[in-house]
Amino acid sequence: MGSFSDYAAAFGSNPGFLNWASFAPLSASVLSEVAADAEMLSTGRPAAFTLSRERIQEARGLVAELLGAPARLDDVTLQPSTTHGLMHAFYGLRGTVLASPAEFPSVSHTLDRAAKASAGGLTPRWIEPAHTFVTPEAVAEALDDEVTALAVSHVDFRTGYRTDLAALRDVLGPDRLLIVDAAQSFGVVDADYLVADVVAGHGYKWLRAGRGTGFAWFSARARERIEPVLSGFGGVEGGELVLDEIAPPAASAQAYTVNFPDSLAVARLATALRDVRDAGVPAIEEAIRATWTRSSRSPHGTACPC
């Protein structure tokens, strides 16, 4: 079992690096672990492929644990990026979706493209709240019976503004979906993510796992309403390769999968998630908050999920 001091010791970036809202340097533990996995995969031994499959389960389990749902591993799917997870949500959704055009393009562009491909089945309703902050009040003003979902970033990438997920859930009520881009918060913000229905995130920011390490969580309610239209051969039950027949999408979140994930990306993600789990998200959040509070101002292009 690791500790916060072990987690802190894994930082190898130069002092003063503040571009976490864009990209985080890989952690020392991630570098070490992925090198070992790469060497194992280079051997061609059967054990290497067994290890790769185990890594997938480990990463999915750790995502579920950090979301607060350790027993719901089947709700988690690994993705190449946050955008891929949101694509699965938007392309399979119908109705009117609230979102701000000031959101990071993983939300705004993906929602727009999905709507244009839906033949009128999906309609964005763009809201422009004050200071671009998607507050419960701004959402309440835009609601009507046509709205089926809200798509929002948990933490704004420009300012560090954190949306109140529980308050948004209260405003939306139980019958509308809450779709959350958690790329700027996952691993450093202790929040009740389970009030959402879809949570998409990525490991290349605060998790320090590099690109290719995305994931998405789909609640049972989300899976009832979101058609897995982008489901590929990796999205069948059990994630097994099916030949000579057309298998239906899995009943679990595995349905929202196109292909099998990159083995080394999964190794990086699993290692980073394990480090965060062992250090404790509340301890990490407090350390960031304390550091940010001591700073006199926010440099351009950075954000603090405080």
C-alpha atoms as a PDB file:
ATOM      1  CA  MET A   1       0.000   0.000   0.000  1.00  0.00           C
ATOM      2  CA  GLY A   2       1.404   3.351  -1.000  1.00  0.00           C
ATOM      3  CA  SER A   3       1.099   6.696   0.714  1.00  0.00           C
ATOM      4  CA  PHE A   4       0.824  10.337  -0.178  1.00  0.00           C
ATOM      5  CA  SER A   5       4.605  10.713   0.153  1.00  0.00           C
ATOM      6  CA  ASP A   6       5.075   7.913  -2.393  1.00  0.00           C
ATOM      7  CA  TYR A   7       2.652   9.674  -4.718  1.00  0.00           C
ATOM      8  CA  ALA A   8       4.457  13.008  -4.350  1.00  0.00           C
ATOM      9  CA  ALA A   9       7.829  11.348  -4.944  1.00  0.00           C
ATOM     10  CA  ALA A  10       6.634  10.139  -8.362  1.00  0.00           C
ATOM     11  CA  PHE A  11       6.599  13.711  -9.708  1.00  0.00           C
ATOM     12  CA  GLY A  12       9.575  14.241 -11.979  1.00  0.00           C
ATOM     13  CA  SER A  13       8.560  17.448 -13.748  1.00  0.00           C
ATOM     14  CA  ASN A  14      10.534  20.651 -13.423  1.00  0.00           C
ATOM     15  CA  PRO A  15       9.539  22.933 -10.520  1.00  0.00           C
ATOM     16  CA  GLY A  16       7.082  25.559 -11.671  1.00  0.00           C
ATOM     17  CA  PHE A  17       5.252  23.396 -14.209  1.00  0.00           C
ATOM     18  CA  LEU A  18       1.700  24.774 -14.195  1.00  0.00           C
ATOM     19  CA  ASN A  19       0.131  23.558 -17.419  1.00  0.00           C
ATOM     20  CA  TRP A  20      -1.908  20.761 -15.843  1.00  0.00           C
ATOM     21  CA  ALA A  21      -5.082  21.933 -17.610  1.00  0.00           C
ATOM     22  CA  SER A  22      -3.438  20.957 -20.894  1.00  0.00           C
ATOM     23  CA  PHE A  23      -1.093  18.045 -20.294  1.00  0.00           C
ATOM     24  CA  ALA A  24       0.728  16.497 -17.345  1.00  0.00           C
ATOM     25  CA  PRO A  25       4.226  14.993 -17.459  1.00  0.00           C
ATOM     26  CA  LEU A  26       4.234  11.227 -16.970  1.00  0.00           C
ATOM     27  CA  SER A  27       4.833  10.083 -13.412  1.00  0.00           C
ATOM     28  CA  ALA A  28       7.967   8.127 -12.512  1.00  0.00           C
ATOM     29  CA  SER A  29       5.898   5.106 -11.493  1.00  0.00           C
ATOM     30  CA  VAL A  30       4.054   5.115 -14.832  1.00  0.00           C
ATOM     31  CA  LEU A  31       7.340   5.244 -16.728  1.00  0.00           C
ATOM     32  CA  SER A  32       8.754   2.360 -14.734  1.00  0.00           C
ATOM     33  CA  GLU A  33       5.668   0.174 -15.009  1.00  0.00           C
ATOM     34  CA  VAL A  34       5.100   0.687 -18.720  1.00  0.00           C
ATOM     35  CA  ALA A  35       8.746  -0.140 -19.434  1.00  0.00           C
ATOM     36  CA  ALA A  36       8.323  -3.457 -17.616  1.00  0.00           C
ATOM     37  CA  ASP A  37       5.101  -4.221 -19.478  1.00  0.00           C
ATOM     38  CA  ALA A  38       6.654  -3.320 -22.826  1.00  0.00           C
ATOM     39  CA  GLU A  39       9.539  -5.684 -22.149  1.00  0.00           C
ATOM     40  CA  MET A  40       7.102  -8.455 -21.220  1.00  0.00           C
ATOM     41  CA  LEU A  41       5.067  -7.918 -24.399  1.00  0.00           C
ATOM     42  CA  SER A  42       8.230  -8.058 -26.489  1.00  0.00           C
ATOM     43  CA  THR A  43       8.800 -11.683 -25.464  1.00  0.00           C
ATOM     44  CA  GLY A  44       5.690 -13.101 -27.143  1.00  0.00           C
ATOM     45  CA  ARG A  45       5.113 -15.398 -24.188  1.00  0.00           C
ATOM     46  CA  PRO A  46       1.497 -16.367 -23.391  1.00  0.00           C
ATOM     47  CA  ALA A  47       1.985 -14.827 -19.939  1.00  0.00           C
ATOM     48  CA  ALA A  48       2.404 -11.439 -21.599  1.00  0.00           C
ATOM     49  CA  PHE A  49      -1.053 -11.585 -23.134  1.00  0.00           C
ATOM     50  CA  THR A  50      -2.560 -12.845 -19.890  1.00  0.00           C
ATOM     51  CA  LEU A  51      -1.000  -9.874 -18.122  1.00  0.00           C
ATOM     52  CA  SER A  52      -2.470  -7.540 -20.732  1.00  0.00           C
ATOM     53  CA  ARG A  53      -5.988  -8.850 -20.130  1.00  0.00           C
ATOM     54  CA  GLU A  54      -5.540  -8.593 -16.378  1.00  0.00           C
ATOM     55  CA  ARG A  55      -4.487  -4.984 -16.753  1.00  0.00           C
ATOM     56  CA  ILE A  56      -7.773  -4.175 -18.479  1.00  0.00           C
ATOM     57  CA  GLN A  57      -9.770  -5.554 -15.566  1.00  0.00           C
ATOM     58  CA  GLU A  58      -7.500  -3.806 -13.078  1.00  0.00           C
ATOM     59  CA  ALA A  59      -7.910  -0.417 -14.776  1.00  0.00           C
ATOM     60  CA  ARG A  60     -11.676  -0.751 -15.055  1.00  0.00           C
ATOM     61  CA  GLY A  61     -11.915  -1.791 -11.421  1.00  0.00           C
ATOM     62  CA  LEU A  62      -9.811   1.148 -10.249  1.00  0.00           C
ATOM     63  CA  VAL A  63     -11.905   3.624 -12.256  1.00  0.00           C
ATOM     64  CA  ALA A  64     -15.033   2.194 -10.639  1.00  0.00           C
ATOM     65  CA  GLU A  65     -13.434   2.389  -7.198  1.00  0.00           C
ATOM     66  CA  LEU A  66     -12.366   6.016  -7.600  1.00  0.00           C
ATOM     67  CA  LEU A  67     -15.843   6.887  -8.860  1.00  0.00           C
ATOM     68  CA  GLY A  68     -17.229   5.423  -5.643  1.00  0.00           C
ATOM     69  CA  ALA A  69     -18.725   2.297  -7.204  1.00  0.00           C
ATOM     70  CA  PRO A  70     -16.155  -0.474  -6.608  1.00  0.00           C
ATOM     71  CA  ALA A  71     -18.662  -3.245  -7.244  1.00  0.00           C
ATOM     72  CA  ARG A  72     -19.793  -1.806 -10.578  1.00  0.00           C
ATOM     73  CA  LEU A  73     -16.830  -2.667 -12.784  1.00  0.00           C
ATOM     74  CA  ASP A  74     -19.211  -3.606 -15.616  1.00  0.00           C
ATOM     75  CA  ASP A  75     -20.317   0.039 -15.818  1.00  0.00           C
ATOM     76  CA  VAL A  76     -16.795   1.103 -16.915  1.00  0.00           C
ATOM     77  CA  THR A  77     -15.303   0.943 -20.379  1.00  0.00           C
ATOM     78  CA  LEU A  78     -11.818   1.984 -21.468  1.00  0.00           C
ATOM     79  CA  GLN A  79     -11.545   4.525 -24.275  1.00  0.00           C
ATOM     80  CA  PRO A  80      -8.762   6.160 -26.313  1.00  0.00           C
ATOM     81  CA  SER A  81      -9.870   9.571 -24.970  1.00  0.00           C
ATOM     82  CA  THR A  82     -12.574  11.516 -23.145  1.00  0.00           C
ATOM     83  CA  THR A  83     -13.996  12.510 -26.524  1.00  0.00           C
ATOM     84  CA  HIS A  84     -14.436   8.873 -27.536  1.00  0.00           C
ATOM     85  CA  GLY A  85     -16.471   8.241 -24.384  1.00  0.00           C
ATOM     86  CA  LEU A  86     -18.637  11.284 -25.056  1.00  0.00           C
ATOM     87  CA  MET A  87     -19.110  10.192 -28.661  1.00  0.00           C
ATOM     88  CA  HIS A  88     -20.624   6.912 -27.466  1.00  0.00           C
ATOM     89  CA  ALA A  89     -22.998   8.905 -25.246  1.00  0.00           C
ATOM     90  CA  PHE A  90     -24.071  11.568 -27.750  1.00  0.00           C
ATOM     91  CA  TYR A  91     -24.352   9.431 -30.871  1.00  0.00           C
ATOM     92  CA  GLY A  92     -26.675   7.024 -29.100  1.00  0.00           C
ATOM     93  CA  LEU A  93     -28.816   9.689 -27.442  1.00  0.00           C
ATOM     94  CA  ARG A  94     -32.086  11.241 -28.547  1.00  0.00           C
ATOM     95  CA  GLY A  95     -33.964  14.367 -27.525  1.00  0.00           C
ATOM     96  CA  THR A  96     -32.733  17.836 -26.573  1.00  0.00           C
ATOM     97  CA  VAL A  97     -29.384  18.189 -24.806  1.00  0.00           C
ATOM     98  CA  LEU A  98     -28.397  21.311 -22.890  1.00  0.00           C
ATOM     99  CA  ALA A  99     -24.782  22.449 -23.169  1.00  0.00           C
ATOM    100  CA  SER A 100     -22.718  25.615 -23.295  1.00  0.00           C
ATOM    101  CA  PRO A 101     -20.846  26.401 -26.537  1.00  0.00           C
ATOM    102  CA  ALA A 102     -17.997  27.589 -24.277  1.00  0.00           C
ATOM    103  CA  GLU A 103     -17.362  24.039 -23.115  1.00  0.00           C
ATOM    104  CA  PHE A 104     -14.141  22.353 -24.170  1.00  0.00           C
ATOM    105  CA  PRO A 105     -14.610  21.040 -27.744  1.00  0.00           C
ATOM    106  CA  SER A 106     -14.812  17.447 -26.504  1.00  0.00           C
ATOM    107  CA  VAL A 107     -18.329  18.412 -25.429  1.00  0.00           C
ATOM    108  CA  SER A 108     -19.394  21.118 -27.878  1.00  0.00           C
ATOM    109  CA  HIS A 109     -17.976  19.747 -31.120  1.00  0.00           C
ATOM    110  CA  THR A 110     -18.932  16.158 -30.356  1.00  0.00           C
ATOM    111  CA  LEU A 111     -22.508  17.113 -29.495  1.00  0.00           C
ATOM    112  CA  ASP A 112     -22.786  19.185 -32.676  1.00  0.00           C
ATOM    113  CA  ARG A 113     -21.465  16.377 -34.881  1.00  0.00           C
ATOM    114  CA  ALA A 114     -23.736  13.796 -33.258  1.00  0.00           C
ATOM    115  CA  ALA A 115     -26.769  16.039 -33.727  1.00  0.00           C
ATOM    116  CA  LYS A 116     -26.012  16.556 -37.418  1.00  0.00           C
ATOM    117  CA  ALA A 117     -25.713  12.811 -37.921  1.00  0.00           C
ATOM    118  CA  SER A 118     -28.949  12.029 -36.051  1.00  0.00           C
ATOM    119  CA  ALA A 119     -31.405  13.093 -38.777  1.00  0.00           C
ATOM    120  CA  GLY A 120     -33.218  15.296 -36.288  1.00  0.00           C
ATOM    121  CA  GLY A 121     -33.224  12.794 -33.457  1.00  0.00           C
ATOM    122  CA  LEU A 122     -30.785  14.802 -31.314  1.00  0.00           C
ATOM    123  CA  THR A 123     -30.949  18.566 -30.820  1.00  0.00           C
ATOM    124  CA  PRO A 124     -28.434  20.703 -28.902  1.00  0.00           C
ATOM    125  CA  ARG A 125     -29.860  23.595 -26.934  1.00  0.00           C
ATOM    126  CA  TRP A 126     -26.956  25.979 -26.421  1.00  0.00           C
ATOM    127  CA  ILE A 127     -27.028  28.067 -23.272  1.00  0.00           C
ATOM    128  CA  GLU A 128     -24.801  31.053 -22.563  1.00  0.00           C
ATOM    129  CA  PRO A 129     -24.679  31.539 -18.793  1.00  0.00           C
ATOM    130  CA  ALA A 130     -22.846  34.433 -17.171  1.00  0.00           C
ATOM    131  CA  HIS A 131     -19.050  34.029 -17.243  1.00  0.00           C
ATOM    132  CA  THR A 132     -19.683  30.688 -19.062  1.00  0.00           C
ATOM    133  CA  PHE A 133     -20.292  29.049 -15.641  1.00  0.00           C
ATOM    134  CA  VAL A 134     -22.922  26.315 -15.999  1.00  0.00           C
ATOM    135  CA  THR A 135     -24.723  26.895 -12.718  1.00  0.00           C
ATOM    136  CA  PRO A 136     -27.891  25.183 -11.483  1.00  0.00           C
ATOM    137  CA  GLU A 137     -29.738  28.490 -11.980  1.00  0.00           C
ATOM    138  CA  ALA A 138     -28.648  28.734 -15.622  1.00  0.00           C
ATOM    139  CA  VAL A 139     -29.739  25.165 -16.255  1.00  0.00           C
ATOM    140  CA  ALA A 140     -33.099  25.680 -14.534  1.00  0.00           C
ATOM    141  CA  GLU A 141     -33.864  28.659 -16.804  1.00  0.00           C
ATOM    142  CA  ALA A 142     -33.315  26.523 -19.918  1.00  0.00           C
ATOM    143  CA  LEU A 143     -35.272  23.453 -18.866  1.00  0.00           C
ATOM    144  CA  ASP A 144     -38.543  22.314 -20.377  1.00  0.00           C
ATOM    145  CA  ASP A 145     -40.184  18.986 -21.159  1.00  0.00           C
ATOM    146  CA  GLU A 146     -38.123  18.517 -24.332  1.00  0.00           C
ATOM    147  CA  VAL A 147     -34.791  18.412 -22.491  1.00  0.00           C
ATOM    148  CA  THR A 148     -33.516  14.865 -22.002  1.00  0.00           C
ATOM    149  CA  ALA A 149     -29.946  15.533 -20.853  1.00  0.00           C
ATOM    150  CA  LEU A 150     -27.339  18.061 -19.761  1.00  0.00           C
ATOM    151  CA  ALA A 151     -23.715  17.804 -20.880  1.00  0.00           C
ATOM    152  CA  VAL A 152     -21.193  19.680 -18.770  1.00  0.00           C
ATOM    153  CA  SER A 153     -17.547  19.796 -17.735  1.00  0.00           C
ATOM    154  CA  HIS A 154     -17.039  19.111 -14.059  1.00  0.00           C
ATOM    155  CA  VAL A 155     -14.195  21.647 -14.006  1.00  0.00           C
ATOM    156  CA  ASP A 156     -13.934  24.444 -16.557  1.00  0.00           C
ATOM    157  CA  PHE A 157     -10.652  24.207 -18.452  1.00  0.00           C
ATOM    158  CA  ARG A 158     -10.158  27.994 -18.669  1.00  0.00           C
ATOM    159  CA  THR A 159     -10.940  29.141 -15.148  1.00  0.00           C
ATOM    160  CA  GLY A 160     -10.939  26.119 -12.844  1.00  0.00           C
ATOM    161  CA  TYR A 161     -14.611  26.749 -12.000  1.00  0.00           C
ATOM    162  CA  ARG A 162     -16.103  23.593 -10.524  1.00  0.00           C
ATOM    163  CA  THR A 163     -19.739  22.766 -11.240  1.00  0.00           C
ATOM    164  CA  ASP A 164     -21.870  21.465  -8.401  1.00  0.00           C
ATOM    165  CA  LEU A 165     -22.845  18.044  -9.708  1.00  0.00           C
ATOM    166  CA  ALA A 166     -25.287  17.302  -6.886  1.00  0.00           C
ATOM    167  CA  ALA A 167     -27.067  20.624  -7.413  1.00  0.00           C
ATOM    168  CA  LEU A 168     -27.263  20.007 -11.153  1.00  0.00           C
ATOM    169  CA  ARG A 169     -28.797  16.603 -10.475  1.00  0.00           C
ATOM    170  CA  ASP A 170     -31.410  18.200  -8.201  1.00  0.00           C
ATOM    171  CA  VAL A 171     -32.350  20.707 -10.915  1.00  0.00           C
ATOM    172  CA  LEU A 172     -32.492  18.077 -13.661  1.00  0.00           C
ATOM    173  CA  GLY A 173     -34.555  15.664 -11.609  1.00  0.00           C
ATOM    174  CA  PRO A 174     -34.457  11.881 -11.925  1.00  0.00           C
ATOM    175  CA  ASP A 175     -35.678  11.616 -15.512  1.00  0.00           C
ATOM    176  CA  ARG A 176     -32.945  13.518 -17.361  1.00  0.00           C
ATOM    177  CA  LEU A 177     -29.394  12.326 -17.949  1.00  0.00           C
ATOM    178  CA  LEU A 178     -26.372  14.160 -16.558  1.00  0.00           C
ATOM    179  CA  ILE A 179     -23.345  13.655 -18.825  1.00  0.00           C
ATOM    180  CA  VAL A 180     -20.051  14.826 -17.318  1.00  0.00           C
ATOM    181  CA  ASP A 181     -16.639  15.482 -18.842  1.00  0.00           C
ATOM    182  CA  ALA A 182     -14.332  14.814 -15.878  1.00  0.00           C
ATOM    183  CA  ALA A 183     -10.997  15.155 -17.680  1.00  0.00           C
ATOM    184  CA  GLN A 184     -10.080  18.211 -15.599  1.00  0.00           C
ATOM    185  CA  SER A 185     -11.105  16.765 -12.240  1.00  0.00           C
ATOM    186  CA  PHE A 186     -10.809  13.001 -12.052  1.00  0.00           C
ATOM    187  CA  GLY A 187      -8.128  11.953  -9.600  1.00  0.00           C
ATOM    188  CA  VAL A 188      -7.825  15.327  -7.875  1.00  0.00           C
ATOM    189  CA  VAL A 189     -11.392  16.290  -6.926  1.00  0.00           C
ATOM    190  CA  ASP A 190     -13.248  14.329  -4.263  1.00  0.00           C
ATOM    191  CA  ALA A 191     -16.787  14.434  -5.641  1.00  0.00           C
ATOM    192  CA  ASP A 192     -19.934  12.353  -5.806  1.00  0.00           C
ATOM    193  CA  TYR A 193     -19.623  11.337  -9.447  1.00  0.00           C
ATOM    194  CA  LEU A 194     -22.439   8.825  -9.087  1.00  0.00           C
ATOM    195  CA  VAL A 195     -25.064  11.560  -9.252  1.00  0.00           C
ATOM    196  CA  ALA A 196     -24.172  11.632 -12.962  1.00  0.00           C
ATOM    197  CA  ASP A 197     -25.254   9.087 -15.563  1.00  0.00           C
ATOM    198  CA  VAL A 198     -22.201   9.234 -17.816  1.00  0.00           C
ATOM    199  CA  VAL A 199     -18.715  10.213 -16.647  1.00  0.00           C
ATOM    200  CA  ALA A 200     -15.975  10.415 -19.269  1.00  0.00           C
ATOM    201  CA  GLY A 201     -12.363  11.127 -18.382  1.00  0.00           C
ATOM    202  CA  HIS A 202      -8.766  10.792 -19.416  1.00  0.00           C
ATOM    203  CA  GLY A 203      -5.443   9.947 -17.817  1.00  0.00           C
ATOM    204  CA  TYR A 204      -3.219  12.449 -19.604  1.00  0.00           C
ATOM    205  CA  LYS A 205      -3.917  15.346 -17.256  1.00  0.00           C
ATOM    206  CA  TRP A 206      -4.030  14.982 -13.464  1.00  0.00           C
ATOM    207  CA  LEU A 207      -3.518  11.210 -13.530  1.00  0.00           C
ATOM    208  CA  ARG A 208      -0.161  11.666 -15.323  1.00  0.00           C
ATOM    209  CA  ALA A 209      -0.669   8.579 -17.469  1.00  0.00           C
ATOM    210  CA  GLY A 210      -0.225  10.038 -20.965  1.00  0.00           C
ATOM    211  CA  ARG A 211      -2.555   9.984 -23.953  1.00  0.00           C
ATOM    212  CA  GLY A 212      -4.615   6.974 -24.978  1.00  0.00           C
ATOM    213  CA  THR A 213      -5.784   6.421 -21.392  1.00  0.00           C
ATOM    214  CA  GLY A 214      -9.433   7.455 -21.514  1.00  0.00           C
ATOM    215  CA  PHE A 215     -12.387   5.803 -19.822  1.00  0.00           C
ATOM    216  CA  ALA A 216     -16.135   6.210 -19.455  1.00  0.00           C
ATOM    217  CA  TRP A 217     -18.697   5.148 -16.872  1.00  0.00           C
ATOM    218  CA  PHE A 218     -22.299   4.473 -17.924  1.00  0.00           C
ATOM    219  CA  SER A 219     -24.983   4.022 -15.277  1.00  0.00           C
ATOM    220  CA  ALA A 220     -27.741   1.473 -15.739  1.00  0.00           C
ATOM    221  CA  ARG A 221     -30.145   4.335 -16.531  1.00  0.00           C
ATOM    222  CA  ALA A 222     -27.756   5.663 -19.169  1.00  0.00           C
ATOM    223  CA  ARG A 223     -27.485   2.255 -20.792  1.00  0.00           C
ATOM    224  CA  GLU A 224     -31.274   2.038 -21.006  1.00  0.00           C
ATOM    225  CA  ARG A 225     -31.452   5.306 -22.952  1.00  0.00           C
ATOM    226  CA  ILE A 226     -28.212   5.468 -24.933  1.00  0.00           C
ATOM    227  CA  GLU A 227     -28.100   3.169 -27.943  1.00  0.00           C
ATOM    228  CA  PRO A 228     -24.602   1.708 -28.478  1.00  0.00           C
ATOM    229  CA  VAL A 229     -24.558   2.814 -32.107  1.00  0.00           C
ATOM    230  CA  LEU A 230     -20.753   3.014 -32.244  1.00  0.00           C
ATOM    231  CA  SER A 231     -20.299  -0.433 -30.744  1.00  0.00           C
ATOM    232  CA  GLY A 232     -17.670  -2.474 -32.570  1.00  0.00           C
ATOM    233  CA  PHE A 233     -16.484  -6.053 -32.354  1.00  0.00           C
ATOM    234  CA  GLY A 234     -14.797  -5.207 -29.056  1.00  0.00           C
ATOM    235  CA  GLY A 235     -18.180  -4.295 -27.599  1.00  0.00           C
ATOM    236  CA  VAL A 236     -19.648  -7.767 -27.319  1.00  0.00           C
ATOM    237  CA  GLU A 237     -20.312  -9.651 -24.099  1.00  0.00           C
ATOM    238  CA  GLY A 238     -17.110 -10.471 -22.245  1.00  0.00           C
ATOM    239  CA  GLY A 239     -15.011  -8.532 -24.726  1.00  0.00           C
ATOM    240  CA  GLU A 240     -14.256 -11.740 -26.624  1.00  0.00           C
ATOM    241  CA  LEU A 241     -13.556 -12.003 -30.333  1.00  0.00           C
ATOM    242  CA  VAL A 242     -16.617 -13.477 -32.069  1.00  0.00           C
ATOM    243  CA  LEU A 243     -16.205 -15.004 -35.536  1.00  0.00           C
ATOM    244  CA  ASP A 244     -18.616 -16.379 -38.157  1.00  0.00           C
ATOM    245  CA  GLU A 245     -21.649 -14.688 -36.615  1.00  0.00           C
ATOM    246  CA  ILE A 246     -22.878 -11.217 -35.700  1.00  0.00           C
ATOM    247  CA  ALA A 247     -22.945 -10.860 -31.931  1.00  0.00           C
ATOM    248  CA  PRO A 248     -25.180  -8.251 -30.264  1.00  0.00           C
ATOM    249  CA  PRO A 249     -23.680  -5.475 -28.123  1.00  0.00           C
ATOM    250  CA  ALA A 250     -23.002  -6.418 -24.528  1.00  0.00           C
ATOM    251  CA  ALA A 251     -25.582  -5.670 -21.837  1.00  0.00           C
ATOM    252  CA  SER A 252     -22.849  -3.939 -19.826  1.00  0.00           C
ATOM    253  CA  ALA A 253     -20.891  -0.759 -20.593  1.00  0.00           C
ATOM    254  CA  GLN A 254     -18.655  -2.961 -22.740  1.00  0.00           C
ATOM    255  CA  ALA A 255     -21.199  -2.223 -25.491  1.00  0.00           C
ATOM    256  CA  TYR A 256     -19.737   1.295 -25.765  1.00  0.00           C
ATOM    257  CA  THR A 257     -16.456  -0.017 -27.104  1.00  0.00           C
ATOM    258  CA  VAL A 258     -15.136  -0.053 -30.659  1.00  0.00           C
ATOM    259  CA  ASN A 259     -12.007  -2.177 -30.379  1.00  0.00           C
ATOM    260  CA  PHE A 260      -9.699  -3.636 -27.766  1.00  0.00           C
ATOM    261  CA  PRO A 261      -7.567  -1.073 -25.914  1.00  0.00           C
ATOM    262  CA  ASP A 262      -3.858  -0.400 -26.326  1.00  0.00           C
ATOM    263  CA  SER A 263      -2.083  -2.705 -23.860  1.00  0.00           C
ATOM    264  CA  LEU A 264       0.589  -0.207 -22.891  1.00  0.00           C
ATOM    265  CA  ALA A 265      -1.934   2.611 -22.508  1.00  0.00           C
ATOM    266  CA  VAL A 266      -3.917   0.392 -20.159  1.00  0.00           C
ATOM    267  CA  ALA A 267      -0.754  -0.337 -18.161  1.00  0.00           C
ATOM    268  CA  ARG A 268      -0.099   3.394 -17.808  1.00  0.00           C
ATOM    269  CA  LEU A 269      -3.678   4.069 -16.753  1.00  0.00           C
ATOM    270  CA  ALA A 270      -3.800   1.233 -14.219  1.00  0.00           C
ATOM    271  CA  THR A 271      -0.541   2.343 -12.614  1.00  0.00           C
ATOM    272  CA  ALA A 272      -1.641   5.973 -12.382  1.00  0.00           C
ATOM    273  CA  LEU A 273      -5.024   5.035 -10.940  1.00  0.00           C
ATOM    274  CA  ARG A 274      -3.408   2.791  -8.355  1.00  0.00           C
ATOM    275  CA  ASP A 275      -1.100   5.612  -7.261  1.00  0.00           C
ATOM    276  CA  VAL A 276      -4.058   7.974  -6.834  1.00  0.00           C
ATOM    277  CA  ARG A 277      -6.135   5.378  -4.994  1.00  0.00           C
ATOM    278  CA  ASP A 278      -3.312   4.657  -2.561  1.00  0.00           C
ATOM    279  CA  ALA A 279      -2.526   8.320  -1.921  1.00  0.00           C
ATOM    280  CA  GLY A 280      -6.180   9.236  -1.491  1.00  0.00           C
ATOM    281  CA  VAL A 281      -8.047  11.793  -3.600  1.00  0.00           C
ATOM    282  CA  PRO A 282      -8.933  14.014  -0.590  1.00  0.00           C
ATOM    283  CA  ALA A 283      -5.240  14.305   0.333  1.00  0.00           C
ATOM    284  CA  ILE A 284      -4.291  15.151  -3.262  1.00  0.00           C
ATOM    285  CA  GLU A 285      -7.061  17.735  -3.529  1.00  0.00           C
ATOM    286  CA  GLU A 286      -6.004  19.413  -0.290  1.00  0.00           C
ATOM    287  CA  ALA A 287      -2.358  19.587  -1.386  1.00  0.00           C
ATOM    288  CA  ILE A 288      -3.339  21.245  -4.686  1.00  0.00           C
ATOM    289  CA  ARG A 289      -5.692  23.653  -2.950  1.00  0.00           C
ATOM    290  CA  ALA A 290      -3.001  24.671  -0.465  1.00  0.00           C
ATOM    291  CA  THR A 291      -0.443  25.230  -3.220  1.00  0.00           C
ATOM    292  CA  TRP A 292      -2.894  27.241  -5.311  1.00  0.00           C
ATOM    293  CA  THR A 293      -3.931  29.367  -2.351  1.00  0.00           C
ATOM    294  CA  ARG A 294      -0.306  30.378  -1.812  1.00  0.00           C
ATOM    295  CA  SER A 295      -0.010  31.473  -5.439  1.00  0.00           C
ATOM    296  CA  SER A 296      -0.684  35.166  -5.995  1.00  0.00           C
ATOM    297  CA  ARG A 297      -2.384  34.711  -9.343  1.00  0.00           C
ATOM    298  CA  SER A 298      -3.369  32.130 -11.991  1.00  0.00           C
ATOM    299  CA  PRO A 299      -0.944  32.126 -14.952  1.00  0.00           C
ATOM    300  CA  HIS A 300      -2.574  32.249 -18.380  1.00  0.00           C
ATOM    301  CA  GLY A 301      -3.557  28.830 -19.646  1.00  0.00           C
ATOM    302  CA  THR A 302      -3.693  27.043 -16.295  1.00  0.00           C
ATOM    303  CA  ALA A 303      -6.585  25.937 -14.195  1.00  0.00           C
ATOM    304  CA  CYS A 304      -7.061  24.739 -10.640  1.00  0.00           C
ATOM    305  CA  PRO A 305      -9.926  22.310  -9.903  1.00  0.00           C
ATOM    306  CA  CYS A 306     -10.462  24.009  -6.557  1.00  0.00           C
END
